[in-house]
PDB file of all heavy atoms in Angstrom:
ATOM      1  N   LEU A   1      -7.003 -64.055 -19.182  1.00  0.00           N
ATOM      2  CA  LEU A   1      -7.046 -62.596 -19.142  1.00  0.00           C
ATOM      3  C   LEU A   1      -6.853 -62.130 -17.697  1.00  0.00           C
ATOM      4  O   LEU A   1      -7.663 -62.412 -16.825  1.00  0.00           O
ATOM      5  CB  LEU A   1      -8.391 -62.095 -19.667  1.00  0.00           C
ATOM      6  CG  LEU A   1      -8.616 -60.578 -19.664  1.00  0.00           C
ATOM      7  CD1 LEU A   1      -7.679 -59.896 -20.661  1.00  0.00           C
ATOM      8  CD2 LEU A   1     -10.067 -60.254 -19.995  1.00  0.00           C
ATOM      9  N   THR A   2      -5.741 -61.436 -17.443  1.00  0.00           N
ATOM     10  CA  THR A   2      -5.445 -60.979 -16.082  1.00  0.00           C
ATOM     11  C   THR A   2      -5.373 -59.459 -15.981  1.00  0.00           C
ATOM     12  O   THR A   2      -5.560 -58.906 -14.902  1.00  0.00           O
ATOM     13  CB  THR A   2      -4.107 -61.554 -15.579  1.00  0.00           C
ATOM     14  OG1 THR A   2      -3.061 -61.171 -16.480  1.00  0.00           O
ATOM     15  CG2 THR A   2      -4.179 -63.070 -15.499  1.00  0.00           C
ATOM     16  N   ALA A   3      -5.056 -58.792 -17.088  1.00  0.00           N
ATOM     17  CA  ALA A   3      -4.892 -57.334 -17.069  1.00  0.00           C
ATOM     18  C   ALA A   3      -6.045 -56.681 -17.819  1.00  0.00           C
ATOM     19  O   ALA A   3      -6.351 -57.057 -18.951  1.00  0.00           O
ATOM     20  CB  ALA A   3      -3.564 -56.946 -17.705  1.00  0.00           C
ATOM     21  N   LEU A   4      -6.676 -55.698 -17.202  1.00  0.00           N
ATOM     22  CA  LEU A   4      -7.858 -55.064 -17.772  1.00  0.00           C
ATOM     23  C   LEU A   4      -7.879 -53.598 -17.362  1.00  0.00           C
ATOM     24  O   LEU A   4      -7.878 -53.282 -16.172  1.00  0.00           O
ATOM     25  CB  LEU A   4      -9.117 -55.776 -17.263  1.00  0.00           C
ATOM     26  CG  LEU A   4     -10.474 -55.279 -17.733  1.00  0.00           C
ATOM     27  CD1 LEU A   4     -10.634 -55.543 -19.224  1.00  0.00           C
ATOM     28  CD2 LEU A   4     -11.592 -55.975 -16.956  1.00  0.00           C
ATOM     29  N   SER A   5      -7.866 -52.698 -18.340  1.00  0.00           N
ATOM     30  CA  SER A   5      -7.909 -51.275 -18.014  1.00  0.00           C
ATOM     31  C   SER A   5      -8.541 -50.494 -19.158  1.00  0.00           C
ATOM     32  O   SER A   5      -8.135 -50.642 -20.312  1.00  0.00           O
ATOM     33  CB  SER A   5      -6.506 -50.730 -17.739  1.00  0.00           C
ATOM     34  OG  SER A   5      -6.560 -49.330 -17.533  1.00  0.00           O
ATOM     35  N   PHE A   6      -9.512 -49.647 -18.808  1.00  0.00           N
ATOM     36  CA  PHE A   6     -10.147 -48.802 -19.819  1.00  0.00           C
ATOM     37  C   PHE A   6      -9.543 -47.404 -19.832  1.00  0.00           C
ATOM     38  O   PHE A   6      -9.888 -46.594 -20.679  1.00  0.00           O
ATOM     39  CB  PHE A   6     -11.643 -48.695 -19.567  1.00  0.00           C
ATOM     40  CG  PHE A   6     -12.390 -49.991 -19.652  1.00  0.00           C
ATOM     41  CD1 PHE A   6     -13.683 -50.086 -19.190  1.00  0.00           C
ATOM     42  CD2 PHE A   6     -11.808 -51.124 -20.195  1.00  0.00           C
ATOM     43  CE1 PHE A   6     -14.391 -51.274 -19.266  1.00  0.00           C
ATOM     44  CE2 PHE A   6     -12.490 -52.314 -20.271  1.00  0.00           C
ATOM     45  CZ  PHE A   6     -13.800 -52.392 -19.799  1.00  0.00           C
ATOM     46  N   ASP A   7      -8.671 -47.109 -18.850  1.00  0.00           N
ATOM     47  CA  ASP A   7      -8.005 -45.822 -18.786  1.00  0.00           C
ATOM     48  C   ASP A   7      -8.981 -44.670 -19.073  1.00  0.00           C
ATOM     49  O   ASP A   7     -10.068 -44.616 -18.547  1.00  0.00           O
ATOM     50  CB  ASP A   7      -6.818 -45.797 -19.740  1.00  0.00           C
ATOM     51  CG  ASP A   7      -5.627 -46.551 -19.178  1.00  0.00           C
ATOM     52  OD1 ASP A   7      -5.349 -46.439 -17.980  1.00  0.00           O
ATOM     53  OD2 ASP A   7      -4.988 -47.261 -19.947  1.00  0.00           O
ATOM     54  N   ASN A   8      -8.543 -43.760 -19.923  1.00  0.00           N
ATOM     55  CA  ASN A   8      -9.370 -42.611 -20.278  1.00  0.00           C
ATOM     56  C   ASN A   8     -10.099 -42.888 -21.583  1.00  0.00           C
ATOM     57  O   ASN A   8     -10.063 -42.106 -22.524  1.00  0.00           O
ATOM     58  CB  ASN A   8      -8.489 -41.358 -20.412  1.00  0.00           C
ATOM     59  CG  ASN A   8      -9.311 -40.096 -20.546  1.00  0.00           C
ATOM     60  OD1 ASN A   8     -10.392 -39.987 -19.987  1.00  0.00           O
ATOM     61  ND2 ASN A   8      -8.799 -39.146 -21.304  1.00  0.00           N
ATOM     62  N   SER A   9     -10.761 -44.029 -21.649  1.00  0.00           N
ATOM     63  CA  SER A   9     -11.418 -44.444 -22.888  1.00  0.00           C
ATOM     64  C   SER A   9     -12.789 -43.789 -23.004  1.00  0.00           C
ATOM     65  O   SER A   9     -13.232 -43.048 -22.134  1.00  0.00           O
ATOM     66  CB  SER A   9     -11.592 -45.967 -22.907  1.00  0.00           C
ATOM     67  OG  SER A   9     -12.609 -46.352 -21.999  1.00  0.00           O
ATOM     68  N   ALA A  10     -13.465 -44.113 -24.110  1.00  0.00           N
ATOM     69  CA  ALA A  10     -14.835 -43.642 -24.322  1.00  0.00           C
ATOM     70  C   ALA A  10     -15.840 -44.775 -24.148  1.00  0.00           C
ATOM     71  O   ALA A  10     -17.008 -44.635 -24.505  1.00  0.00           O
ATOM     72  CB  ALA A  10     -14.963 -43.033 -25.721  1.00  0.00           C
ATOM     73  N   ILE A  11     -15.377 -45.918 -23.606  1.00  0.00           N
ATOM     74  CA  ILE A  11     -16.262 -47.074 -23.443  1.00  0.00           C
ATOM     75  C   ILE A  11     -17.334 -46.763 -22.404  1.00  0.00           C
ATOM     76  O   ILE A  11     -17.027 -46.465 -21.251  1.00  0.00           O
ATOM     77  CB  ILE A  11     -15.461 -48.322 -23.030  1.00  0.00           C
ATOM     78  CG1 ILE A  11     -14.489 -48.704 -24.143  1.00  0.00           C
ATOM     79  CG2 ILE A  11     -16.395 -49.492 -22.712  1.00  0.00           C
ATOM     80  CD1 ILE A  11     -13.486 -49.775 -23.748  1.00  0.00           C
ATOM     81  N   THR A  12     -18.591 -46.829 -22.823  1.00  0.00           N
ATOM     82  CA  THR A  12     -19.703 -46.504 -21.931  1.00  0.00           C
ATOM     83  C   THR A  12     -20.621 -47.687 -21.667  1.00  0.00           C
ATOM     84  O   THR A  12     -21.351 -47.677 -20.671  1.00  0.00           O
ATOM     85  CB  THR A  12     -20.549 -45.362 -22.514  1.00  0.00           C
ATOM     86  OG1 THR A  12     -21.046 -45.757 -23.815  1.00  0.00           O
ATOM     87  CG2 THR A  12     -19.723 -44.085 -22.662  1.00  0.00           C
ATOM     88  N   THR A  13     -20.604 -48.697 -22.535  1.00  0.00           N
ATOM     89  CA  THR A  13     -21.587 -49.776 -22.429  1.00  0.00           C
ATOM     90  C   THR A  13     -20.911 -51.142 -22.369  1.00  0.00           C
ATOM     91  O   THR A  13     -20.072 -51.460 -23.209  1.00  0.00           O
ATOM     92  CB  THR A  13     -22.559 -49.757 -23.629  1.00  0.00           C
ATOM     93  OG1 THR A  13     -23.166 -48.466 -23.728  1.00  0.00           O
ATOM     94  CG2 THR A  13     -23.650 -50.802 -23.457  1.00  0.00           C
ATOM     95  N   LEU A  14     -21.282 -51.929 -21.357  1.00  0.00           N
ATOM     96  CA  LEU A  14     -20.831 -53.313 -21.249  1.00  0.00           C
ATOM     97  C   LEU A  14     -22.037 -54.223 -21.439  1.00  0.00           C
ATOM     98  O   LEU A  14     -23.077 -54.017 -20.816  1.00  0.00           O
ATOM     99  CB  LEU A  14     -20.203 -53.582 -19.876  1.00  0.00           C
ATOM    100  CG  LEU A  14     -19.025 -52.704 -19.454  1.00  0.00           C
ATOM    101  CD1 LEU A  14     -18.453 -53.212 -18.138  1.00  0.00           C
ATOM    102  CD2 LEU A  14     -17.946 -52.664 -20.515  1.00  0.00           C
ATOM    103  N   TYR A  15     -21.882 -55.238 -22.266  1.00  0.00           N
ATOM    104  CA  TYR A  15     -23.007 -56.109 -22.590  1.00  0.00           C
ATOM    105  C   TYR A  15     -22.936 -57.438 -21.829  1.00  0.00           C
ATOM    106  O   TYR A  15     -21.889 -57.823 -21.313  1.00  0.00           O
ATOM    107  CB  TYR A  15     -23.039 -56.353 -24.102  1.00  0.00           C
ATOM    108  CG  TYR A  15     -23.606 -55.175 -24.859  1.00  0.00           C
ATOM    109  CD1 TYR A  15     -22.787 -54.128 -25.261  1.00  0.00           C
ATOM    110  CD2 TYR A  15     -24.962 -55.089 -25.139  1.00  0.00           C
ATOM    111  CE1 TYR A  15     -23.298 -53.032 -25.928  1.00  0.00           C
ATOM    112  CE2 TYR A  15     -25.490 -54.002 -25.802  1.00  0.00           C
ATOM    113  CZ  TYR A  15     -24.652 -52.975 -26.200  1.00  0.00           C
ATOM    114  OH  TYR A  15     -25.162 -51.886 -26.853  1.00  0.00           O
ATOM    115  N   PRO A  16     -24.072 -58.156 -21.767  1.00  0.00           N
ATOM    116  CA  PRO A  16     -24.128 -59.409 -21.009  1.00  0.00           C
ATOM    117  C   PRO A  16     -23.071 -60.416 -21.467  1.00  0.00           C
ATOM    118  O   PRO A  16     -22.780 -60.537 -22.657  1.00  0.00           O
ATOM    119  CB  PRO A  16     -25.538 -59.938 -21.290  1.00  0.00           C
ATOM    120  CG  PRO A  16     -26.338 -58.716 -21.571  1.00  0.00           C
ATOM    121  CD  PRO A  16     -25.402 -57.798 -22.306  1.00  0.00           C
ATOM    122  N   GLY A  17     -22.513 -61.133 -20.485  1.00  0.00           N
ATOM    123  CA  GLY A  17     -21.563 -62.189 -20.788  1.00  0.00           C
ATOM    124  C   GLY A  17     -20.231 -61.694 -21.303  1.00  0.00           C
ATOM    125  O   GLY A  17     -19.422 -62.496 -21.772  1.00  0.00           O
ATOM    126  N   LEU A  18     -19.976 -60.393 -21.211  1.00  0.00           N
ATOM    127  CA  LEU A  18     -18.778 -59.802 -21.808  1.00  0.00           C
ATOM    128  C   LEU A  18     -17.500 -60.516 -21.391  1.00  0.00           C
ATOM    129  O   LEU A  18     -16.663 -60.860 -22.219  1.00  0.00           O
ATOM    130  CB  LEU A  18     -18.696 -58.319 -21.431  1.00  0.00           C
ATOM    131  CG  LEU A  18     -17.447 -57.573 -21.872  1.00  0.00           C
ATOM    132  CD1 LEU A  18     -17.313 -57.596 -23.387  1.00  0.00           C
ATOM    133  CD2 LEU A  18     -17.474 -56.134 -21.362  1.00  0.00           C
ATOM    134  N   PHE A  19     -17.339 -60.739 -20.088  1.00  0.00           N
ATOM    135  CA  PHE A  19     -16.144 -61.407 -19.573  1.00  0.00           C
ATOM    136  C   PHE A  19     -16.495 -62.781 -19.003  1.00  0.00           C
ATOM    137  O   PHE A  19     -15.873 -63.245 -18.053  1.00  0.00           O
ATOM    138  CB  PHE A  19     -15.469 -60.545 -18.509  1.00  0.00           C
ATOM    139  CG  PHE A  19     -14.948 -59.229 -19.041  1.00  0.00           C
ATOM    140  CD1 PHE A  19     -15.609 -58.050 -18.768  1.00  0.00           C
ATOM    141  CD2 PHE A  19     -13.808 -59.185 -19.830  1.00  0.00           C
ATOM    142  CE1 PHE A  19     -15.143 -56.834 -19.262  1.00  0.00           C
ATOM    143  CE2 PHE A  19     -13.328 -57.985 -20.323  1.00  0.00           C
ATOM    144  CZ  PHE A  19     -13.999 -56.804 -20.043  1.00  0.00           C
ATOM    145  N   LYS A  20     -17.469 -63.444 -19.583  1.00  0.00           N
ATOM    146  CA  LYS A  20     -17.924 -64.749 -19.095  1.00  0.00           C
ATOM    147  C   LYS A  20     -16.765 -65.745 -19.045  1.00  0.00           C
ATOM    148  O   LYS A  20     -16.064 -65.975 -20.029  1.00  0.00           O
ATOM    149  CB  LYS A  20     -19.023 -65.302 -19.999  1.00  0.00           C
ATOM    150  CG  LYS A  20     -19.573 -66.644 -19.526  1.00  0.00           C
ATOM    151  CD  LYS A  20     -20.687 -67.140 -20.450  1.00  0.00           C
ATOM    152  CE  LYS A  20     -21.209 -68.480 -19.965  1.00  0.00           C
ATOM    153  NZ  LYS A  20     -22.292 -68.985 -20.861  1.00  0.00           N
ATOM    154  N   GLY A  21     -16.569 -66.322 -17.865  1.00  0.00           N
ATOM    155  CA  GLY A  21     -15.549 -67.349 -17.717  1.00  0.00           C
ATOM    156  C   GLY A  21     -14.128 -66.845 -17.614  1.00  0.00           C
ATOM    157  O   GLY A  21     -13.192 -67.640 -17.625  1.00  0.00           O
ATOM    158  N   CYS A  22     -13.953 -65.522 -17.516  1.00  0.00           N
ATOM    159  CA  CYS A  22     -12.586 -64.974 -17.388  1.00  0.00           C
ATOM    160  C   CYS A  22     -12.145 -65.087 -15.928  1.00  0.00           C
ATOM    161  O   CYS A  22     -12.011 -64.087 -15.205  1.00  0.00           O
ATOM    162  CB  CYS A  22     -12.553 -63.524 -17.863  1.00  0.00           C
ATOM    163  SG  CYS A  22     -12.938 -63.324 -19.610  1.00  0.00           S
ATOM    164  N   ALA A  23     -11.904 -66.311 -15.501  1.00  0.00           N
ATOM    165  CA  ALA A  23     -11.686 -66.607 -14.085  1.00  0.00           C
ATOM    166  C   ALA A  23     -10.386 -66.050 -13.538  1.00  0.00           C
ATOM    167  O   ALA A  23     -10.202 -65.982 -12.323  1.00  0.00           O
ATOM    168  CB  ALA A  23     -11.744 -68.117 -13.865  1.00  0.00           C
ATOM    169  N   ALA A  24      -9.443 -65.660 -14.400  1.00  0.00           N
ATOM    170  CA  ALA A  24      -8.163 -65.147 -13.917  1.00  0.00           C
ATOM    171  C   ALA A  24      -8.240 -63.678 -13.504  1.00  0.00           C
ATOM    172  O   ALA A  24      -7.310 -63.164 -12.876  1.00  0.00           O
ATOM    173  CB  ALA A  24      -7.084 -65.323 -14.984  1.00  0.00           C
ATOM    174  N   LEU A  25      -9.326 -62.992 -13.854  1.00  0.00           N
ATOM    175  CA  LEU A  25      -9.485 -61.607 -13.416  1.00  0.00           C
ATOM    176  C   LEU A  25      -9.592 -61.579 -11.899  1.00  0.00           C
ATOM    177  O   LEU A  25     -10.279 -62.411 -11.298  1.00  0.00           O
ATOM    178  CB  LEU A  25     -10.739 -60.985 -14.034  1.00  0.00           C
ATOM    179  CG  LEU A  25     -10.657 -60.616 -15.513  1.00  0.00           C
ATOM    180  CD1 LEU A  25     -12.022 -60.152 -16.005  1.00  0.00           C
ATOM    181  CD2 LEU A  25      -9.613 -59.543 -15.759  1.00  0.00           C
ATOM    182  N   SER A  26      -8.938 -60.614 -11.276  1.00  0.00           N
ATOM    183  CA  SER A  26      -8.954 -60.561  -9.824  1.00  0.00           C
ATOM    184  C   SER A  26      -8.790 -59.130  -9.343  1.00  0.00           C
ATOM    185  O   SER A  26      -8.475 -58.222 -10.119  1.00  0.00           O
ATOM    186  CB  SER A  26      -7.830 -61.433  -9.241  1.00  0.00           C
ATOM    187  OG  SER A  26      -6.562 -60.946  -9.655  1.00  0.00           O
ATOM    188  N   GLY A  27      -8.998 -58.958  -8.055  1.00  0.00           N
ATOM    189  CA  GLY A  27      -8.797 -57.651  -7.438  1.00  0.00           C
ATOM    190  C   GLY A  27      -9.889 -56.669  -7.776  1.00  0.00           C
ATOM    191  O   GLY A  27     -11.062 -57.035  -7.928  1.00  0.00           O
ATOM    192  N   VAL A  28      -9.508 -55.393  -7.903  1.00  0.00           N
ATOM    193  CA  VAL A  28     -10.463 -54.320  -8.158  1.00  0.00           C
ATOM    194  C   VAL A  28     -10.546 -54.057  -9.663  1.00  0.00           C
ATOM    195  O   VAL A  28      -9.534 -53.824 -10.319  1.00  0.00           O
ATOM    196  CB  VAL A  28     -10.054 -53.026  -7.433  1.00  0.00           C
ATOM    197  CG1 VAL A  28     -11.014 -51.894  -7.754  1.00  0.00           C
ATOM    198  CG2 VAL A  28      -9.992 -53.269  -5.931  1.00  0.00           C
ATOM    199  N   ILE A  29     -11.756 -54.113 -10.210  1.00  0.00           N
ATOM    200  CA  ILE A  29     -11.998 -53.787 -11.612  1.00  0.00           C
ATOM    201  C   ILE A  29     -12.520 -52.361 -11.675  1.00  0.00           C
ATOM    202  O   ILE A  29     -13.582 -52.057 -11.116  1.00  0.00           O
ATOM    203  CB  ILE A  29     -13.018 -54.743 -12.253  1.00  0.00           C
ATOM    204  CG1 ILE A  29     -12.568 -56.209 -12.094  1.00  0.00           C
ATOM    205  CG2 ILE A  29     -13.238 -54.397 -13.716  1.00  0.00           C
ATOM    206  CD1 ILE A  29     -11.290 -56.541 -12.812  1.00  0.00           C
ATOM    207  N   GLN A  30     -11.774 -51.459 -12.340  1.00  0.00           N
ATOM    208  CA  GLN A  30     -12.154 -50.052 -12.383  1.00  0.00           C
ATOM    209  C   GLN A  30     -12.759 -49.713 -13.740  1.00  0.00           C
ATOM    210  O   GLN A  30     -12.139 -49.928 -14.776  1.00  0.00           O
ATOM    211  CB  GLN A  30     -10.932 -49.172 -12.108  1.00  0.00           C
ATOM    212  CG  GLN A  30     -10.319 -49.447 -10.749  1.00  0.00           C
ATOM    213  CD  GLN A  30      -9.300 -48.405 -10.353  1.00  0.00           C
ATOM    214  OE1 GLN A  30      -9.452 -47.700  -9.368  1.00  0.00           O
ATOM    215  NE2 GLN A  30      -8.230 -48.312 -11.135  1.00  0.00           N
ATOM    216  N   LEU A  31     -13.968 -49.175 -13.706  1.00  0.00           N
ATOM    217  CA  LEU A  31     -14.715 -48.857 -14.922  1.00  0.00           C
ATOM    218  C   LEU A  31     -15.163 -47.393 -14.878  1.00  0.00           C
ATOM    219  O   LEU A  31     -16.346 -47.092 -14.755  1.00  0.00           O
ATOM    220  CB  LEU A  31     -15.926 -49.787 -15.049  1.00  0.00           C
ATOM    221  CG  LEU A  31     -15.634 -51.293 -14.960  1.00  0.00           C
ATOM    222  CD1 LEU A  31     -16.934 -52.093 -14.949  1.00  0.00           C
ATOM    223  CD2 LEU A  31     -14.750 -51.734 -16.118  1.00  0.00           C
ATOM    224  N   PRO A  32     -14.231 -46.448 -15.002  1.00  0.00           N
ATOM    225  CA  PRO A  32     -14.563 -45.043 -14.774  1.00  0.00           C
ATOM    226  C   PRO A  32     -15.477 -44.428 -15.814  1.00  0.00           C
ATOM    227  O   PRO A  32     -16.159 -43.439 -15.527  1.00  0.00           O
ATOM    228  CB  PRO A  32     -13.195 -44.358 -14.786  1.00  0.00           C
ATOM    229  CG  PRO A  32     -12.327 -45.260 -15.586  1.00  0.00           C
ATOM    230  CD  PRO A  32     -12.794 -46.641 -15.278  1.00  0.00           C
ATOM    231  N   THR A  33     -15.519 -44.971 -17.028  1.00  0.00           N
ATOM    232  CA  THR A  33     -16.315 -44.345 -18.088  1.00  0.00           C
ATOM    233  C   THR A  33     -17.649 -45.028 -18.328  1.00  0.00           C
ATOM    234  O   THR A  33     -18.486 -44.518 -19.068  1.00  0.00           O
ATOM    235  CB  THR A  33     -15.526 -44.354 -19.415  1.00  0.00           C
ATOM    236  OG1 THR A  33     -15.256 -45.716 -19.792  1.00  0.00           O
ATOM    237  CG2 THR A  33     -14.211 -43.611 -19.264  1.00  0.00           C
ATOM    238  N   VAL A  34     -17.853 -46.203 -17.723  1.00  0.00           N
ATOM    239  CA  VAL A  34     -19.049 -47.004 -18.004  1.00  0.00           C
ATOM    240  C   VAL A  34     -20.286 -46.380 -17.371  1.00  0.00           C
ATOM    241  O   VAL A  34     -20.316 -46.099 -16.174  1.00  0.00           O
ATOM    242  CB  VAL A  34     -18.869 -48.448 -17.507  1.00  0.00           C
ATOM    243  CG1 VAL A  34     -20.161 -49.238 -17.638  1.00  0.00           C
ATOM    244  CG2 VAL A  34     -17.748 -49.124 -18.287  1.00  0.00           C
ATOM    245  N   THR A  35     -21.309 -46.184 -18.197  1.00  0.00           N
ATOM    246  CA  THR A  35     -22.568 -45.604 -17.727  1.00  0.00           C
ATOM    247  C   THR A  35     -23.741 -46.548 -17.922  1.00  0.00           C
ATOM    248  O   THR A  35     -24.836 -46.280 -17.424  1.00  0.00           O
ATOM    249  CB  THR A  35     -22.884 -44.297 -18.478  1.00  0.00           C
ATOM    250  OG1 THR A  35     -23.022 -44.585 -19.886  1.00  0.00           O
ATOM    251  CG2 THR A  35     -21.769 -43.280 -18.289  1.00  0.00           C
ATOM    252  N   SER A  36     -23.539 -47.641 -18.643  1.00  0.00           N
ATOM    253  CA  SER A  36     -24.664 -48.525 -18.950  1.00  0.00           C
ATOM    254  C   SER A  36     -24.224 -49.973 -18.934  1.00  0.00           C
ATOM    255  O   SER A  36     -23.179 -50.336 -19.485  1.00  0.00           O
ATOM    256  CB  SER A  36     -25.231 -48.190 -20.336  1.00  0.00           C
ATOM    257  OG  SER A  36     -26.244 -49.106 -20.707  1.00  0.00           O
TER     258      SER A  36
END
C-alpha cells in the first residue's frame, strides 16, 4: 500500500493496528477529517 487519501471524506475514526505493517507508506500522511 503506497497511495492513501481520505480527500473530502467523512472518515472520523481510526482504530488500533489499522495500517499495521504497511511499510511502503511514506512521506506525509494527511488526515483532514479524523477527529478520533
